[in-house]
Amino acid sequence: MFARTATSTLRQVTRRQCAALTTRGLSTSSSQGARSAAARFGTAAVAAAAVSFGYTMYKSKTESSVVHADSSVPIYGVAGTSKERTFIAVKPDGVQRGLVSDIIARFERRGYKLVGMKLLVPSAALAKEHYADLSSKPFFAGL
């Protein structure tokens, strides 16, 4: 989205600059000879920036601009390193008691970084499938 906006804005600026240069070039007024070196340098800088930006946009469209994550670290992380990952679940009673922020704060105080959070209310079918191994236990009906 930003690239489209930047491209269209730069295109409009370039058109205005080119129109102004063409008008100045065809003009016979004495003001053209009085242009300072700084103004000529500024025009050259704008032209160079436009060419550079255009080339970058062209290359980004012809080549893949997708950045792939390093595949050397598996999704579950590497145990004992800074790339180790873990899953934390807060049970419904902890959510009802408003302890989620306290639990997150405890992990952050220990230097862990929270990278995602998801609130999930499982359907009865999903819960039944998840706890299928406990179906023979006497407390299963209460789950």
C-alpha atoms as a PDB file:
ATOM      1  CA  MET A   1       0.000   0.000   0.000  1.00  0.00           C
ATOM      2  CA  PHE A   2       2.795   2.413   0.909  1.00  0.00           C
ATOM      3  CA  ALA A   3       4.712   1.550  -2.245  1.00  0.00           C
ATOM      4  CA  ARG A   4       1.739   2.437  -4.455  1.00  0.00           C
ATOM      5  CA  THR A   5       1.258   5.772  -2.719  1.00  0.00           C
ATOM      6  CA  ALA A   6       4.957   6.589  -2.893  1.00  0.00           C
ATOM      7  CA  THR A   7       5.111   5.587  -6.557  1.00  0.00           C
ATOM      8  CA  SER A   8       2.140   7.722  -7.568  1.00  0.00           C
ATOM      9  CA  THR A   9       3.400  10.690  -5.541  1.00  0.00           C
ATOM     10  CA  LEU A  10       6.878  10.433  -7.050  1.00  0.00           C
ATOM     11  CA  ARG A  11       5.360  10.103 -10.516  1.00  0.00           C
ATOM     12  CA  GLN A  12       3.378  13.334 -10.022  1.00  0.00           C
ATOM     13  CA  VAL A  13       6.426  15.193  -8.686  1.00  0.00           C
ATOM     14  CA  THR A  14       8.556  13.959 -11.585  1.00  0.00           C
ATOM     15  CA  ARG A  15       5.951  15.096 -14.120  1.00  0.00           C
ATOM     16  CA  ARG A  16       5.848  18.540 -12.539  1.00  0.00           C
ATOM     17  CA  GLN A  17       9.646  18.761 -12.493  1.00  0.00           C
ATOM     18  CA  CYS A  18       9.881  17.660 -16.142  1.00  0.00           C
ATOM     19  CA  ALA A  19       7.189  20.129 -17.161  1.00  0.00           C
ATOM     20  CA  ALA A  20       8.996  22.908 -15.311  1.00  0.00           C
ATOM     21  CA  LEU A  21      12.339  21.969 -16.900  1.00  0.00           C
ATOM     22  CA  THR A  22      10.790  21.866 -20.366  1.00  0.00           C
ATOM     23  CA  THR A  23       9.152  25.238 -19.833  1.00  0.00           C
ATOM     24  CA  ARG A  24      12.397  26.731 -18.553  1.00  0.00           C
ATOM     25  CA  GLY A  25      14.376  25.188 -21.412  1.00  0.00           C
ATOM     26  CA  LEU A  26      12.104  26.694 -24.064  1.00  0.00           C
ATOM     27  CA  SER A  27      11.912  30.031 -22.309  1.00  0.00           C
ATOM     28  CA  THR A  28      13.940  32.948 -23.634  1.00  0.00           C
ATOM     29  CA  SER A  29      13.792  34.977 -20.463  1.00  0.00           C
ATOM     30  CA  SER A  30      16.976  36.099 -18.773  1.00  0.00           C
ATOM     31  CA  SER A  31      16.043  34.322 -15.524  1.00  0.00           C
ATOM     32  CA  GLN A  32      17.320  31.009 -16.903  1.00  0.00           C
ATOM     33  CA  GLY A  33      20.865  32.287 -17.058  1.00  0.00           C
ATOM     34  CA  ALA A  34      20.609  33.528 -13.492  1.00  0.00           C
ATOM     35  CA  ARG A  35      19.819  30.107 -12.055  1.00  0.00           C
ATOM     36  CA  SER A  36      22.195  29.297  -9.273  1.00  0.00           C
ATOM     37  CA  ALA A  37      24.372  26.216  -9.126  1.00  0.00           C
ATOM     38  CA  ALA A  38      22.394  25.050  -6.101  1.00  0.00           C
ATOM     39  CA  ALA A  39      19.165  25.054  -8.098  1.00  0.00           C
ATOM     40  CA  ARG A  40      20.794  23.023 -10.876  1.00  0.00           C
ATOM     41  CA  PHE A  41      22.196  20.587  -8.306  1.00  0.00           C
ATOM     42  CA  GLY A  42      18.757  20.276  -6.687  1.00  0.00           C
ATOM     43  CA  THR A  43      17.184  19.434 -10.027  1.00  0.00           C
ATOM     44  CA  ALA A  44      19.879  16.855 -10.735  1.00  0.00           C
ATOM     45  CA  ALA A  45      19.417  15.353  -7.267  1.00  0.00           C
ATOM     46  CA  VAL A  46      15.655  15.041  -7.788  1.00  0.00           C
ATOM     47  CA  ALA A  47      16.220  13.412 -11.172  1.00  0.00           C
ATOM     48  CA  ALA A  48      18.763  10.960  -9.712  1.00  0.00           C
ATOM     49  CA  ALA A  49      16.412  10.106  -6.855  1.00  0.00           C
ATOM     50  CA  ALA A  50      13.552   9.538  -9.302  1.00  0.00           C
ATOM     51  CA  VAL A  51      15.666   7.219 -11.445  1.00  0.00           C
ATOM     52  CA  SER A  52      16.901   5.325  -8.382  1.00  0.00           C
ATOM     53  CA  PHE A  53      13.405   4.953  -6.964  1.00  0.00           C
ATOM     54  CA  GLY A  54      12.004   3.881 -10.331  1.00  0.00           C
ATOM     55  CA  TYR A  55      14.700   1.239 -10.735  1.00  0.00           C
ATOM     56  CA  THR A  56      14.040  -0.059  -7.216  1.00  0.00           C
ATOM     57  CA  MET A  57      10.306  -0.289  -7.880  1.00  0.00           C
ATOM     58  CA  TYR A  58      10.945  -2.041 -11.201  1.00  0.00           C
ATOM     59  CA  LYS A  59      13.256  -4.604  -9.612  1.00  0.00           C
ATOM     60  CA  SER A  60      10.864  -5.217  -6.732  1.00  0.00           C
ATOM     61  CA  LYS A  61       8.097  -6.100  -9.189  1.00  0.00           C
ATOM     62  CA  THR A  62      10.277  -8.401 -11.309  1.00  0.00           C
ATOM     63  CA  GLU A  63      11.906 -10.200  -8.387  1.00  0.00           C
ATOM     64  CA  SER A  64      10.193 -11.763  -5.417  1.00  0.00           C
ATOM     65  CA  SER A  65       9.866  -9.271  -2.578  1.00  0.00           C
ATOM     66  CA  VAL A  66       8.800 -11.943  -0.105  1.00  0.00           C
ATOM     67  CA  VAL A  67      11.158 -12.275   2.820  1.00  0.00           C
ATOM     68  CA  HIS A  68      11.456 -15.821   4.095  1.00  0.00           C
ATOM     69  CA  ALA A  69      12.348 -16.612   7.676  1.00  0.00           C
ATOM     70  CA  ASP A  70      15.511 -18.522   8.397  1.00  0.00           C
ATOM     71  CA  SER A  71      14.593 -22.185   8.154  1.00  0.00           C
ATOM     72  CA  SER A  72      17.468 -23.308  10.391  1.00  0.00           C
ATOM     73  CA  VAL A  73      15.322 -22.682  13.491  1.00  0.00           C
ATOM     74  CA  PRO A  74      12.315 -25.014  13.680  1.00  0.00           C
ATOM     75  CA  ILE A  75       8.886 -23.700  14.682  1.00  0.00           C
ATOM     76  CA  TYR A  76       9.235 -25.167  18.165  1.00  0.00           C
ATOM     77  CA  GLY A  77      12.591 -23.421  18.682  1.00  0.00           C
ATOM     78  CA  VAL A  78      15.900 -24.767  19.945  1.00  0.00           C
ATOM     79  CA  ALA A  79      15.969 -25.842  23.582  1.00  0.00           C
ATOM     80  CA  GLY A  80      18.403 -23.999  25.841  1.00  0.00           C
ATOM     81  CA  THR A  81      18.912 -21.036  23.486  1.00  0.00           C
ATOM     82  CA  SER A  82      17.309 -17.653  22.972  1.00  0.00           C
ATOM     83  CA  LYS A  83      15.276 -19.297  20.200  1.00  0.00           C
ATOM     84  CA  GLU A  84      13.447 -21.633  22.578  1.00  0.00           C
ATOM     85  CA  ARG A  85       9.662 -21.400  22.395  1.00  0.00           C
ATOM     86  CA  THR A  86       6.927 -22.557  24.706  1.00  0.00           C
ATOM     87  CA  PHE A  87       3.152 -22.581  24.901  1.00  0.00           C
ATOM     88  CA  ILE A  88       1.330 -21.035  27.847  1.00  0.00           C
ATOM     89  CA  ALA A  89      -2.345 -21.702  28.517  1.00  0.00           C
ATOM     90  CA  VAL A  90      -4.406 -19.815  31.073  1.00  0.00           C
ATOM     91  CA  LYS A  91      -7.373 -21.839  32.239  1.00  0.00           C
ATOM     92  CA  PRO A  92     -10.880 -20.326  32.267  1.00  0.00           C
ATOM     93  CA  ASP A  93     -10.813 -19.678  36.021  1.00  0.00           C
ATOM     94  CA  GLY A  94      -7.614 -17.615  35.590  1.00  0.00           C
ATOM     95  CA  VAL A  95      -9.267 -15.590  32.841  1.00  0.00           C
ATOM     96  CA  GLN A  96     -12.391 -15.038  34.970  1.00  0.00           C
ATOM     97  CA  ARG A  97     -10.261 -13.882  37.903  1.00  0.00           C
ATOM     98  CA  GLY A  98      -8.395 -11.406  35.654  1.00  0.00           C
ATOM     99  CA  LEU A  99      -4.976 -13.016  36.089  1.00  0.00           C
ATOM    100  CA  VAL A 100      -3.899 -12.995  32.441  1.00  0.00           C
ATOM    101  CA  SER A 101      -1.957  -9.726  32.697  1.00  0.00           C
ATOM    102  CA  ASP A 102      -0.258 -10.870  35.919  1.00  0.00           C
ATOM    103  CA  ILE A 103       0.792 -14.148  34.309  1.00  0.00           C
ATOM    104  CA  ILE A 104       2.173 -12.344  31.262  1.00  0.00           C
ATOM    105  CA  ALA A 105       4.023  -9.888  33.525  1.00  0.00           C
ATOM    106  CA  ARG A 106       5.693 -12.774  35.382  1.00  0.00           C
ATOM    107  CA  PHE A 107       7.097 -14.184  32.163  1.00  0.00           C
ATOM    108  CA  GLU A 108       8.226 -10.762  30.913  1.00  0.00           C
ATOM    109  CA  ARG A 109      10.015 -10.067  34.215  1.00  0.00           C
ATOM    110  CA  ARG A 110      12.026 -13.234  33.637  1.00  0.00           C
ATOM    111  CA  GLY A 111      13.068 -11.982  30.201  1.00  0.00           C
ATOM    112  CA  TYR A 112      10.673 -13.927  28.014  1.00  0.00           C
ATOM    113  CA  LYS A 113       9.087 -12.205  25.033  1.00  0.00           C
ATOM    114  CA  LEU A 114       5.404 -12.733  24.250  1.00  0.00           C
ATOM    115  CA  VAL A 115       5.007 -13.108  20.489  1.00  0.00           C
ATOM    116  CA  GLY A 116       1.348 -14.049  20.210  1.00  0.00           C
ATOM    117  CA  MET A 117      -1.869 -14.375  22.127  1.00  0.00           C
ATOM    118  CA  LYS A 118      -5.108 -16.099  21.232  1.00  0.00           C
ATOM    119  CA  LEU A 119      -8.352 -16.374  23.163  1.00  0.00           C
ATOM    120  CA  LEU A 120     -10.074 -19.629  22.350  1.00  0.00           C
ATOM    121  CA  VAL A 121     -13.399 -20.943  23.585  1.00  0.00           C
ATOM    122  CA  PRO A 122     -13.478 -24.553  22.365  1.00  0.00           C
ATOM    123  CA  SER A 123     -16.645 -26.089  21.018  1.00  0.00           C
ATOM    124  CA  ALA A 124     -18.057 -29.151  22.769  1.00  0.00           C
ATOM    125  CA  ALA A 125     -16.843 -31.357  19.904  1.00  0.00           C
ATOM    126  CA  LEU A 126     -13.292 -29.970  20.096  1.00  0.00           C
ATOM    127  CA  ALA A 127     -13.179 -30.384  23.880  1.00  0.00           C
ATOM    128  CA  LYS A 128     -14.483 -33.948  23.603  1.00  0.00           C
ATOM    129  CA  GLU A 129     -11.819 -34.764  21.013  1.00  0.00           C
ATOM    130  CA  HIS A 130      -9.069 -33.114  23.083  1.00  0.00           C
ATOM    131  CA  TYR A 131      -9.978 -34.966  26.283  1.00  0.00           C
ATOM    132  CA  ALA A 132     -10.771 -38.307  24.566  1.00  0.00           C
ATOM    133  CA  ASP A 133      -7.984 -40.025  26.514  1.00  0.00           C
ATOM    134  CA  LEU A 134      -9.748 -39.088  29.778  1.00  0.00           C
ATOM    135  CA  SER A 135     -13.164 -40.415  28.721  1.00  0.00           C
ATOM    136  CA  SER A 136     -12.745 -43.540  30.873  1.00  0.00           C
ATOM    137  CA  LYS A 137     -12.125 -41.470  34.038  1.00  0.00           C
ATOM    138  CA  PRO A 138     -14.986 -40.868  36.496  1.00  0.00           C
ATOM    139  CA  PHE A 139     -14.650 -37.051  36.348  1.00  0.00           C
ATOM    140  CA  PHE A 140     -14.971 -36.895  32.534  1.00  0.00           C
ATOM    141  CA  ALA A 141     -18.704 -36.186  32.605  1.00  0.00           C
ATOM    142  CA  GLY A 142     -18.045 -32.970  34.555  1.00  0.00           C
ATOM    143  CA  LEU A 143     -15.614 -31.659  31.993  1.00  0.00           C
END
